[in-house]
Amino acid sequence: MTKTIAIDARIINSSTGRYVERLLHYLEQLDKTNTYYILVPTKDLDYFKPQNPNFKMMAADFANYSFAEQIGFKKFLNQLHPDLVHFCMPQQPILYEGAHVTTVHDLTLLNTYNSDKNWLVYKAKQLVGQYVFKRVGQTSAHIITPTNYVKKAYSDFAKISSSKITVTYEGCELSTTRPKEYPPLKDKKFILYVGQQSSYKNIRRLMQAHQQLLQKHPDLLLVLVGRLTGKNAKPLLANQAWAKKQGYKGIEYTGFLPDEQLLWCMQHTQAYVFPSLSEGFGLPALEAMAAGAPVVSSNSTCLPEVYGNATIYFDPKNTNQMAAKILEVLDNPKLSAELIKKGREQAAKYSWRKMAKQTLEVYNKVLFQ
């Protein structure tokens, strides 16, 4: 029997959008029976172009964490009346009563990473976030998480049975892009970090570790890739100003790089460093492994579960240890080569298609139980 499934893909054009886009890409191939409504902001109607005629794009202009989301989006879904909704993030109309499943990527929002100068605003956001996360656990027919670490953490937090949660590891696909040299880094030695710089990403400690490394490797650059404009650039610019105030040297900010230049950077870095304090999966470092970079990583939260023995770990709050572990890779070509080999093998274990197949199994479990 054909069912209608709505996928809340409003975050498709964001840092977590890779998960949504790959899910849709493979669901199209796996499910030729059900009808899918893909809900995105009007500006993103052309971001994903379905090949399967059963997949239909629909505009849903309701901002995350807004009253419009709680009232307007609920009304929108009630009128659409799908058999199932997949909310790809916890933000959703908390009073929606239709059958739905929710993906909880991590619990970072609930941790003490204060992005607001106003303590009361920060505390209020945290309390609201905690309520929403608990409510989602109670109202969702099923929860999807990207790792066992998040599964246990969320089960404990929301006080729901672990049997209500399915782990669908994210994927990692080898890029078919041909690398293109990034001229400013030609013949330079550098360590690399790619991505956003929110406080929990721990970039200032990485900067401090790099300054220590300059004592032995004075020509070593720290290269930070990330957009220098737009609403998500604020933490990066704050870190840039902070490093300048400290008098730090040898830090390069590339801004946004196209895939072919990003791939070149990953293939030529002395080490890809992932210093994060909290992750739900940790895809960026896994993609660096697939590209052929030796990875040195934080040992926090889910990262040892995802990376296995394919990296050298450090305590992300211990700057001296971070610097020492990076130095091990810089000074040991044999270790670096071993990490590159293990990294490629580890990245190959993860499949977006498998993730989509497991997600479809969750849909069917809810629809036909």
Protein backbone atom coordinates (compact mmCIF):
# COMPACT_ATOMS: atom_id res chain seq x y z
CA MET A 1 0.00 0.00 0.00
CA THR A 2 1.36 3.39 -1.03
CA LYS A 3 2.03 5.84 1.79
CA THR A 4 2.82 9.55 1.83
CA ILE A 5 5.97 10.58 3.68
CA ALA A 6 6.92 14.20 4.34
CA ILE A 7 10.60 14.92 4.97
CA ASP A 8 11.32 18.16 6.82
CA ALA A 9 14.39 19.20 4.83
CA ARG A 10 14.41 22.88 5.86
CA ILE A 11 18.08 22.49 6.89
CA ILE A 12 19.18 21.06 3.53
CA ASN A 13 21.33 24.12 2.77
CA SER A 14 23.20 24.18 6.11
CA SER A 15 26.12 22.47 7.83
CA THR A 16 23.90 19.46 8.59
CA GLY A 17 22.39 19.53 5.11
CA ARG A 18 24.78 16.90 3.79
CA TYR A 19 22.89 14.30 5.83
CA VAL A 20 19.54 15.39 4.37
CA GLU A 21 20.76 15.62 0.78
CA ARG A 22 22.38 12.17 0.84
CA LEU A 23 19.31 10.67 2.51
CA LEU A 24 17.09 12.00 -0.29
CA HIS A 25 19.56 10.97 -2.99
CA TYR A 26 19.49 7.33 -1.95
CA LEU A 27 15.84 7.14 -0.87
CA GLU A 28 14.99 8.04 -4.48
CA GLN A 29 16.81 4.90 -5.60
CA LEU A 30 15.54 2.63 -2.84
CA ASP A 31 11.84 3.49 -2.69
CA LYS A 32 9.83 3.55 -5.92
CA THR A 33 6.51 2.95 -4.13
CA ASN A 34 5.76 5.67 -1.61
CA THR A 35 5.10 9.34 -2.34
CA TYR A 36 7.50 11.82 -0.74
CA TYR A 37 7.00 15.52 -0.03
CA ILE A 38 10.34 17.27 0.46
CA LEU A 39 9.76 20.40 2.55
CA VAL A 40 12.32 23.19 2.06
CA PRO A 41 12.44 27.00 2.19
CA THR A 42 11.45 28.66 -1.08
CA LYS A 43 15.06 29.75 -1.64
CA ASP A 44 16.13 26.08 -1.66
CA LEU A 45 13.48 24.65 -4.00
CA ASP A 46 16.16 24.03 -6.63
CA TYR A 47 18.83 22.87 -4.17
CA PHE A 48 17.80 19.23 -4.65
CA LYS A 49 16.32 18.12 -7.97
CA PRO A 50 14.45 14.79 -7.69
CA GLN A 51 14.86 12.17 -10.39
CA ASN A 52 12.15 9.93 -8.97
CA PRO A 53 8.66 11.19 -10.00
CA ASN A 54 7.30 10.12 -6.58
CA PHE A 55 9.43 12.83 -4.94
CA LYS A 56 7.90 16.30 -4.89
CA MET A 57 9.54 19.52 -3.64
CA MET A 58 7.32 21.82 -1.57
CA ALA A 59 7.99 25.28 -0.09
CA ALA A 60 7.85 25.44 3.72
CA ASP A 61 8.98 28.89 4.84
CA PHE A 62 9.02 28.44 8.61
CA ALA A 63 12.17 29.52 10.42
CA ASN A 64 13.78 27.13 12.89
CA TYR A 65 13.01 27.81 16.57
CA SER A 66 10.26 30.31 15.72
CA PHE A 67 6.59 30.85 16.58
CA ALA A 68 5.88 30.36 12.87
CA GLU A 69 7.39 26.89 13.19
CA GLN A 70 5.18 26.06 16.15
CA ILE A 71 1.94 27.44 14.71
CA GLY A 72 2.23 27.84 10.94
CA PHE A 73 4.25 24.70 10.27
CA LYS A 74 1.89 22.63 12.40
CA LYS A 75 -1.08 23.92 10.38
CA PHE A 76 0.85 23.26 7.15
CA LEU A 77 1.48 19.63 8.14
CA ASN A 78 -2.10 19.11 9.28
CA GLN A 79 -3.34 20.28 5.88
CA LEU A 80 -0.79 18.13 4.04
CA HIS A 81 -1.85 15.18 6.19
CA PRO A 82 1.01 12.77 5.37
CA ASP A 83 1.07 9.24 6.78
CA LEU A 84 4.49 9.98 8.29
CA VAL A 85 6.76 12.99 8.83
CA HIS A 86 10.53 12.69 9.21
CA PHE A 87 11.88 15.69 11.08
CA CYS A 88 15.57 15.73 10.19
CA MET A 89 16.36 17.85 13.27
CA PRO A 90 14.71 18.11 16.71
CA GLN A 91 13.26 21.56 15.96
CA GLN A 92 9.62 20.93 15.01
CA PRO A 93 6.04 21.85 16.01
CA ILE A 94 5.96 20.25 19.45
CA LEU A 95 2.15 19.93 19.41
CA TYR A 96 2.04 18.10 16.06
CA GLU A 97 0.07 14.90 16.63
CA GLY A 98 0.66 13.02 13.37
CA ALA A 99 3.00 10.03 13.17
CA HIS A 100 6.60 11.21 12.99
CA VAL A 101 10.20 10.17 13.46
CA THR A 102 13.02 12.53 14.44
CA THR A 103 16.74 12.54 13.82
CA VAL A 104 18.74 13.74 16.83
CA HIS A 105 22.25 14.46 15.55
CA ASP A 106 23.83 15.42 18.88
CA LEU A 107 23.15 17.06 22.23
CA THR A 108 25.49 20.01 21.71
CA LEU A 109 22.66 22.51 22.15
CA LEU A 110 22.14 21.23 25.68
CA ASN A 111 25.77 21.53 26.72
CA THR A 112 27.37 24.58 28.30
CA TYR A 113 28.65 26.28 25.15
CA ASN A 114 27.46 29.82 25.67
CA SER A 115 27.16 31.71 22.39
CA ASP A 116 25.23 34.60 23.95
CA LYS A 117 26.84 37.41 25.94
CA ASN A 118 23.61 37.80 27.87
CA TRP A 119 23.55 35.01 30.47
CA LEU A 120 19.76 35.18 30.88
CA VAL A 121 19.19 34.82 27.12
CA TYR A 122 21.60 31.89 27.03
CA LYS A 123 19.95 30.20 30.01
CA ALA A 124 16.47 30.71 28.56
CA LYS A 125 17.55 29.16 25.26
CA GLN A 126 19.05 26.21 27.09
CA LEU A 127 15.88 25.59 29.12
CA VAL A 128 13.69 25.78 26.03
CA GLY A 129 16.07 23.47 24.18
CA GLN A 130 15.96 20.93 26.99
CA TYR A 131 12.17 20.96 27.00
CA VAL A 132 11.97 20.51 23.22
CA PHE A 133 14.51 17.68 23.21
CA LYS A 134 12.61 15.82 25.95
CA ARG A 135 9.25 16.44 24.31
CA VAL A 136 10.54 15.11 20.96
CA GLY A 137 11.60 11.88 22.65
CA GLN A 138 8.09 11.36 24.00
CA THR A 139 6.07 12.31 20.90
CA SER A 140 8.18 10.73 18.14
CA ALA A 141 7.24 7.21 17.11
CA HIS A 142 10.96 6.55 16.67
CA ILE A 143 14.27 8.38 17.05
CA ILE A 144 17.27 8.14 14.71
CA THR A 145 20.81 8.97 15.88
CA PRO A 146 24.13 8.89 13.98
CA THR A 147 26.11 7.02 16.66
CA ASN A 148 25.68 4.75 19.65
CA TYR A 149 27.18 7.53 21.78
CA VAL A 150 24.29 9.86 20.91
CA LYS A 151 21.80 7.01 21.28
CA LYS A 152 22.83 6.38 24.88
CA ALA A 153 23.17 10.07 25.75
CA TYR A 154 19.75 10.89 24.34
CA SER A 155 18.08 7.84 25.86
CA ASP A 156 19.42 8.86 29.28
CA PHE A 157 18.47 12.52 28.82
CA ALA A 158 14.94 12.03 27.43
CA LYS A 159 14.30 8.99 29.64
CA ILE A 160 13.14 6.81 26.77
CA SER A 161 13.91 3.17 26.03
CA SER A 162 16.94 2.55 23.82
CA SER A 163 14.68 0.21 21.80
CA LYS A 164 12.95 3.35 20.50
CA ILE A 165 16.22 4.57 18.96
CA THR A 166 17.94 3.31 15.80
CA VAL A 167 21.55 4.18 14.95
CA THR A 168 22.17 5.00 11.28
CA TYR A 169 25.85 5.86 10.79
CA GLU A 170 26.42 8.62 8.27
CA GLY A 171 28.38 7.96 5.10
CA CYS A 172 31.62 9.05 3.55
CA GLU A 173 32.02 9.01 -0.21
CA LEU A 174 35.30 9.41 -2.03
CA SER A 175 35.28 12.62 -3.98
CA THR A 176 35.23 12.26 -7.76
CA THR A 177 36.57 15.80 -8.01
CA ARG A 178 40.06 16.24 -9.45
CA PRO A 179 42.25 18.20 -7.03
CA LYS A 180 43.25 21.71 -8.04
CA GLU A 181 46.20 23.47 -6.46
CA TYR A 182 45.51 26.26 -3.98
CA PRO A 183 48.37 28.63 -4.98
CA PRO A 184 48.91 30.42 -1.62
CA LEU A 185 49.86 27.08 -0.03
CA LYS A 186 52.10 25.75 -2.78
CA ASP A 187 55.33 24.36 -1.27
CA LYS A 188 54.16 25.34 2.24
CA LYS A 189 53.95 23.07 5.27
CA PHE A 190 50.63 23.34 7.09
CA ILE A 191 48.14 21.69 9.40
CA LEU A 192 44.49 22.01 8.47
CA TYR A 193 41.02 22.49 9.93
CA VAL A 194 37.87 22.87 7.81
CA GLY A 195 34.45 24.02 8.97
CA GLN A 196 32.54 26.22 11.35
CA GLN A 197 34.16 27.68 14.46
CA SER A 198 31.46 27.70 17.14
CA SER A 199 32.91 27.64 20.65
CA TYR A 200 32.52 23.86 21.04
CA LYS A 201 34.73 23.36 17.98
CA ASN A 202 37.62 24.42 20.27
CA ILE A 203 39.58 26.40 17.67
CA ARG A 204 41.31 28.72 20.14
CA ARG A 205 43.07 25.79 21.81
CA LEU A 206 44.10 24.60 18.34
CA MET A 207 45.58 28.05 17.74
CA GLN A 208 47.45 27.83 21.04
CA ALA A 209 48.79 24.36 20.17
CA HIS A 210 49.97 25.64 16.81
CA GLN A 211 51.92 28.46 18.44
CA GLN A 212 53.73 25.83 20.53
CA LEU A 213 54.56 23.86 17.37
CA LEU A 214 56.22 26.94 15.87
CA GLN A 215 59.06 26.51 18.39
CA LYS A 216 60.21 23.40 16.54
CA HIS A 217 58.60 24.04 13.15
CA PRO A 218 58.80 27.84 12.63
CA ASP A 219 57.49 27.67 9.05
CA LEU A 220 54.43 25.55 9.86
CA LEU A 221 51.12 27.24 9.01
CA LEU A 222 47.75 26.64 10.61
CA VAL A 223 45.21 26.81 7.76
CA LEU A 224 41.59 27.44 8.69
CA VAL A 225 39.03 26.95 5.92
CA GLY A 226 35.60 28.51 6.39
CA ARG A 227 33.38 31.28 5.11
CA LEU A 228 34.46 34.78 6.15
CA THR A 229 31.08 36.31 5.32
CA GLY A 230 27.48 35.48 6.17
CA LYS A 231 25.65 34.73 9.40
CA ASN A 232 27.79 31.68 10.27
CA ALA A 233 31.06 33.60 9.94
CA LYS A 234 30.72 35.46 13.24
CA PRO A 235 32.57 32.87 15.43
CA LEU A 236 35.39 32.59 12.87
CA LEU A 237 35.85 36.36 12.74
CA ALA A 238 35.80 36.51 16.56
CA ASN A 239 38.53 33.84 16.71
CA GLN A 240 40.53 35.69 14.07
CA ALA A 241 40.37 38.92 16.11
CA TRP A 242 41.28 37.03 19.28
CA ALA A 243 44.35 35.44 17.67
CA LYS A 244 45.48 38.81 16.33
CA LYS A 245 45.14 40.31 19.81
CA GLN A 246 47.32 37.51 21.20
CA GLY A 247 49.98 38.27 18.60
CA TYR A 248 49.74 34.81 17.07
CA LYS A 249 51.68 34.18 13.85
CA GLY A 250 51.40 31.75 10.96
CA ILE A 251 47.61 31.42 10.82
CA GLU A 252 46.03 31.51 7.36
CA TYR A 253 42.31 32.06 6.70
CA THR A 254 41.34 30.89 3.23
CA GLY A 255 37.65 31.72 3.28
CA PHE A 256 35.42 29.35 1.33
CA LEU A 257 37.24 26.92 -0.98
CA PRO A 258 35.68 25.00 -3.88
CA ASP A 259 35.78 21.19 -3.59
CA GLU A 260 38.74 20.72 -5.91
CA GLN A 261 40.97 23.11 -3.92
CA LEU A 262 39.73 21.72 -0.61
CA LEU A 263 40.67 18.23 -1.78
CA TRP A 264 44.14 19.48 -2.73
CA CYS A 265 44.60 21.00 0.73
CA MET A 266 43.61 17.73 2.40
CA GLN A 267 46.02 15.79 0.21
CA HIS A 268 48.91 18.14 1.01
CA THR A 269 48.41 18.86 4.71
CA GLN A 270 50.89 17.55 7.28
CA ALA A 271 47.90 16.74 9.51
CA TYR A 272 44.19 17.37 9.60
CA VAL A 273 43.39 18.36 13.20
CA PHE A 274 39.90 17.92 14.69
CA PRO A 275 39.89 19.49 18.20
CA SER A 276 36.12 19.44 18.87
CA LEU A 277 34.69 19.20 22.38
CA SER A 278 31.41 17.65 21.26
CA GLU A 279 30.21 15.86 18.12
CA GLY A 280 27.37 13.62 17.06
CA PHE A 281 29.31 11.92 14.27
CA GLY A 282 32.35 13.95 13.18
CA LEU A 283 32.02 13.81 9.39
CA PRO A 284 34.68 16.45 8.45
CA ALA A 285 37.63 14.44 9.76
CA LEU A 286 36.25 11.27 8.18
CA GLU A 287 36.10 13.07 4.83
CA ALA A 288 39.69 14.19 5.40
CA MET A 289 40.65 10.53 5.92
CA ALA A 290 38.94 9.58 2.65
CA ALA A 291 40.90 12.33 0.88
CA GLY A 292 44.21 10.97 2.19
CA ALA A 293 45.05 13.24 5.12
CA PRO A 294 46.61 11.91 8.33
CA VAL A 295 44.14 12.82 11.09
CA VAL A 296 44.85 13.87 14.68
CA SER A 297 41.66 14.08 16.71
CA SER A 298 40.00 14.93 19.99
CA ASN A 299 38.98 11.89 22.02
CA SER A 300 35.66 13.44 23.06
CA THR A 301 32.10 12.11 22.78
CA CYS A 302 31.51 9.87 19.73
CA LEU A 303 34.82 10.35 17.92
CA PRO A 304 36.64 7.16 19.04
CA GLU A 305 33.53 5.19 18.05
CA VAL A 306 33.60 6.62 14.52
CA TYR A 307 37.35 6.85 13.86
CA GLY A 308 38.51 3.65 15.54
CA ASN A 309 42.29 3.20 15.37
CA ALA A 310 42.67 5.39 12.29
CA THR A 311 43.82 8.48 14.16
CA ILE A 312 45.98 9.72 17.02
CA TYR A 313 43.83 11.02 19.88
CA PHE A 314 44.31 13.83 22.41
CA ASP A 315 42.35 15.36 25.28
CA PRO A 316 40.76 18.45 23.64
CA LYS A 317 41.08 20.49 26.83
CA ASN A 318 44.81 19.77 27.12
CA THR A 319 46.61 22.13 24.74
CA ASN A 320 50.05 20.67 25.53
CA GLN A 321 48.84 17.16 24.72
CA MET A 322 47.22 18.39 21.50
CA ALA A 323 50.50 19.94 20.38
CA ALA A 324 52.47 16.84 21.36
CA LYS A 325 50.23 14.49 19.36
CA ILE A 326 50.35 16.70 16.28
CA LEU A 327 54.15 16.81 16.66
CA GLU A 328 54.29 12.99 16.66
CA VAL A 329 52.77 12.98 13.18
CA LEU A 330 54.87 15.88 11.91
CA ASP A 331 58.12 14.22 12.99
CA ASN A 332 57.32 10.64 12.02
CA PRO A 333 56.73 10.04 8.27
CA LYS A 334 56.13 6.33 8.90
CA LEU A 335 53.35 7.10 11.39
CA SER A 336 51.86 9.65 8.98
CA ALA A 337 51.78 7.08 6.16
CA GLU A 338 50.21 4.52 8.48
CA LEU A 339 47.47 6.98 9.51
CA ILE A 340 46.74 7.79 5.85
CA LYS A 341 46.33 4.06 5.07
CA LYS A 342 44.18 3.36 8.13
CA GLY A 343 42.14 6.49 7.53
CA ARG A 344 41.18 5.49 4.01
CA GLU A 345 40.19 2.04 5.25
CA GLN A 346 38.12 3.51 8.09
CA ALA A 347 36.31 6.00 5.85
CA ALA A 348 35.41 3.21 3.42
CA LYS A 349 33.39 1.47 6.15
CA TYR A 350 30.68 4.16 6.06
CA SER A 351 27.94 4.30 3.44
CA TRP A 352 25.25 6.90 2.80
CA ARG A 353 23.25 4.29 0.89
CA LYS A 354 23.24 2.00 3.92
CA MET A 355 22.14 4.95 6.08
CA ALA A 356 19.20 5.63 3.73
CA LYS A 357 18.26 1.93 3.65
CA GLN A 358 18.20 1.77 7.46
CA THR A 359 16.12 4.97 7.57
CA LEU A 360 13.59 3.48 5.14
CA GLU A 361 13.37 0.44 7.43
CA VAL A 362 12.47 2.81 10.30
CA TYR A 363 9.74 4.39 8.16
CA ASN A 364 8.28 0.98 7.35
CA LYS A 365 8.46 -0.11 10.97
CA VAL A 366 6.42 2.93 12.04
CA LEU A 367 3.98 2.80 9.10
CA PHE A 368 3.22 -0.91 9.26
CA GLN A 369 3.69 -1.84 12.90
